[in-house]
Amino acid sequence: MHRYELGHRLRFVIAAADGAYAGNRGIKPATVVSAPGDTGVVELPVAGG
C-alpha cells in the first residue's frame, strides 16, 4: 500500500498487455467508453479511513 499526500496527482494508464510478463507477445485492443456527461473521475479505495 502507498499513501499519497493530499494534493498529489496520479497518472492512470490503461493497458491490455503486461510488458513485465516475458511470455506476453500479443497485442490486444483496450476500449474505453465515455459520454459527454461523464465527469472523468476515477474513485480509488481508501484504506483505514
N, C-alpha and C. Protein backbone atom coordinates (compact mmCIF):
# COMPACT_ATOMS: atom_id res chain seq x y z
N MET A 1 0.84 -1.15 0.00
CA MET A 1 0.00 0.00 0.00
C MET A 1 0.90 1.23 0.00
N HIS A 2 0.49 2.24 -0.73
CA HIS A 2 1.20 3.52 -0.74
C HIS A 2 0.21 4.61 -0.37
N ARG A 3 0.61 5.48 0.51
CA ARG A 3 -0.25 6.60 0.92
C ARG A 3 0.21 7.87 0.21
N TYR A 4 -0.72 8.51 -0.45
CA TYR A 4 -0.43 9.75 -1.15
C TYR A 4 -0.89 10.93 -0.31
N GLU A 5 -0.07 11.95 -0.25
CA GLU A 5 -0.45 13.14 0.49
C GLU A 5 -1.51 13.92 -0.29
N LEU A 6 -2.32 14.65 0.44
CA LEU A 6 -3.36 15.46 -0.16
C LEU A 6 -2.77 16.40 -1.20
N GLY A 7 -3.39 16.45 -2.36
CA GLY A 7 -2.93 17.34 -3.42
C GLY A 7 -2.01 16.68 -4.43
N HIS A 8 -1.51 15.48 -4.14
CA HIS A 8 -0.67 14.77 -5.10
C HIS A 8 -1.52 14.26 -6.25
N ARG A 9 -0.89 14.00 -7.39
CA ARG A 9 -1.60 13.53 -8.57
C ARG A 9 -1.17 12.11 -8.92
N LEU A 10 -2.08 11.38 -9.55
CA LEU A 10 -1.80 10.04 -10.05
C LEU A 10 -2.00 10.04 -11.56
N ARG A 11 -1.20 9.28 -12.26
CA ARG A 11 -1.40 9.09 -13.70
C ARG A 11 -2.03 7.71 -13.87
N PHE A 12 -3.13 7.65 -14.58
CA PHE A 12 -3.88 6.42 -14.78
C PHE A 12 -3.61 5.92 -16.19
N VAL A 13 -3.07 4.72 -16.32
CA VAL A 13 -2.72 4.16 -17.62
C VAL A 13 -3.52 2.88 -17.83
N ILE A 14 -4.11 2.75 -19.00
CA ILE A 14 -4.87 1.55 -19.34
C ILE A 14 -4.04 0.76 -20.35
N ALA A 15 -3.80 -0.52 -20.05
CA ALA A 15 -3.02 -1.37 -20.94
C ALA A 15 -3.70 -2.72 -21.06
N ALA A 16 -3.68 -3.28 -22.25
CA ALA A 16 -4.27 -4.59 -22.48
C ALA A 16 -3.22 -5.69 -22.41
N ALA A 17 -1.98 -5.32 -22.13
CA ALA A 17 -0.89 -6.29 -22.03
C ALA A 17 0.02 -5.86 -20.88
N ASP A 18 0.80 -6.80 -20.38
CA ASP A 18 1.74 -6.52 -19.31
C ASP A 18 3.14 -6.73 -19.84
N GLY A 19 3.86 -5.65 -20.06
CA GLY A 19 5.20 -5.73 -20.61
C GLY A 19 6.19 -6.46 -19.71
N ALA A 20 5.87 -6.57 -18.41
CA ALA A 20 6.76 -7.25 -17.47
C ALA A 20 6.64 -8.77 -17.59
N TYR A 21 5.60 -9.26 -18.25
CA TYR A 21 5.39 -10.70 -18.41
C TYR A 21 6.10 -11.15 -19.68
N ALA A 22 7.16 -11.95 -19.54
CA ALA A 22 8.02 -12.32 -20.67
C ALA A 22 7.28 -13.08 -21.77
N GLY A 23 6.25 -13.85 -21.44
CA GLY A 23 5.56 -14.64 -22.45
C GLY A 23 4.47 -13.87 -23.18
N ASN A 24 4.29 -12.63 -22.85
CA ASN A 24 3.21 -11.84 -23.43
C ASN A 24 3.71 -11.15 -24.70
N ARG A 25 3.40 -11.72 -25.85
CA ARG A 25 3.84 -11.15 -27.13
C ARG A 25 2.67 -10.61 -27.95
N GLY A 26 1.46 -10.81 -27.48
CA GLY A 26 0.29 -10.39 -28.25
C GLY A 26 -0.08 -8.95 -28.00
N ILE A 27 -0.76 -8.39 -28.95
CA ILE A 27 -1.29 -7.03 -28.82
C ILE A 27 -2.80 -7.14 -28.81
N LYS A 28 -3.43 -6.61 -27.81
CA LYS A 28 -4.88 -6.67 -27.67
C LYS A 28 -5.44 -5.26 -27.59
N PRO A 29 -6.65 -5.06 -28.11
CA PRO A 29 -7.26 -3.72 -28.01
C PRO A 29 -7.75 -3.45 -26.59
N ALA A 30 -7.71 -2.20 -26.20
CA ALA A 30 -8.29 -1.75 -24.94
C ALA A 30 -9.31 -0.68 -25.30
N THR A 31 -10.54 -0.87 -24.87
CA THR A 31 -11.62 0.06 -25.20
C THR A 31 -12.05 0.83 -23.96
N VAL A 32 -12.11 2.12 -24.09
CA VAL A 32 -12.59 2.98 -23.01
C VAL A 32 -13.84 3.68 -23.52
N VAL A 33 -14.92 3.56 -22.78
CA VAL A 33 -16.19 4.14 -23.19
C VAL A 33 -16.50 5.32 -22.28
N SER A 34 -16.86 6.42 -22.88
CA SER A 34 -17.26 7.59 -22.09
C SER A 34 -18.36 8.33 -22.84
N ALA A 35 -18.98 9.23 -22.15
CA ALA A 35 -20.06 10.03 -22.75
C ALA A 35 -19.80 11.50 -22.42
N PRO A 36 -20.39 12.41 -23.18
CA PRO A 36 -20.17 13.84 -22.93
C PRO A 36 -20.47 14.27 -21.50
N GLY A 37 -21.40 13.59 -20.84
CA GLY A 37 -21.76 13.97 -19.47
C GLY A 37 -20.90 13.33 -18.40
N ASP A 38 -19.98 12.43 -18.79
CA ASP A 38 -19.12 11.78 -17.80
C ASP A 38 -18.19 12.81 -17.15
N THR A 39 -17.92 12.60 -15.88
CA THR A 39 -17.10 13.57 -15.14
C THR A 39 -15.61 13.34 -15.28
N GLY A 40 -15.20 12.15 -15.72
CA GLY A 40 -13.78 11.87 -15.83
C GLY A 40 -13.11 11.63 -14.49
N VAL A 41 -13.86 11.15 -13.52
CA VAL A 41 -13.33 10.91 -12.18
C VAL A 41 -13.14 9.42 -11.96
N VAL A 42 -12.00 9.05 -11.42
CA VAL A 42 -11.73 7.67 -11.03
C VAL A 42 -11.73 7.63 -9.51
N GLU A 43 -12.56 6.77 -8.94
CA GLU A 43 -12.61 6.65 -7.49
C GLU A 43 -11.71 5.50 -7.04
N LEU A 44 -10.80 5.78 -6.12
CA LEU A 44 -9.91 4.77 -5.58
C LEU A 44 -10.32 4.45 -4.16
N PRO A 45 -10.12 3.20 -3.73
CA PRO A 45 -10.49 2.85 -2.36
C PRO A 45 -9.59 3.55 -1.35
N VAL A 46 -10.14 3.84 -0.20
CA VAL A 46 -9.39 4.47 0.88
C VAL A 46 -9.20 3.44 1.98
N ALA A 47 -7.96 3.14 2.32
CA ALA A 47 -7.68 2.15 3.36
C ALA A 47 -7.66 2.81 4.72
N GLY A 48 -8.38 2.24 5.65
CA GLY A 48 -8.37 2.72 7.02
C GLY A 48 -8.93 4.10 7.23
N GLY A 49 -9.78 4.52 6.31
CA GLY A 49 -10.18 5.83 6.60
C GLY A 49 -11.28 6.51 6.06
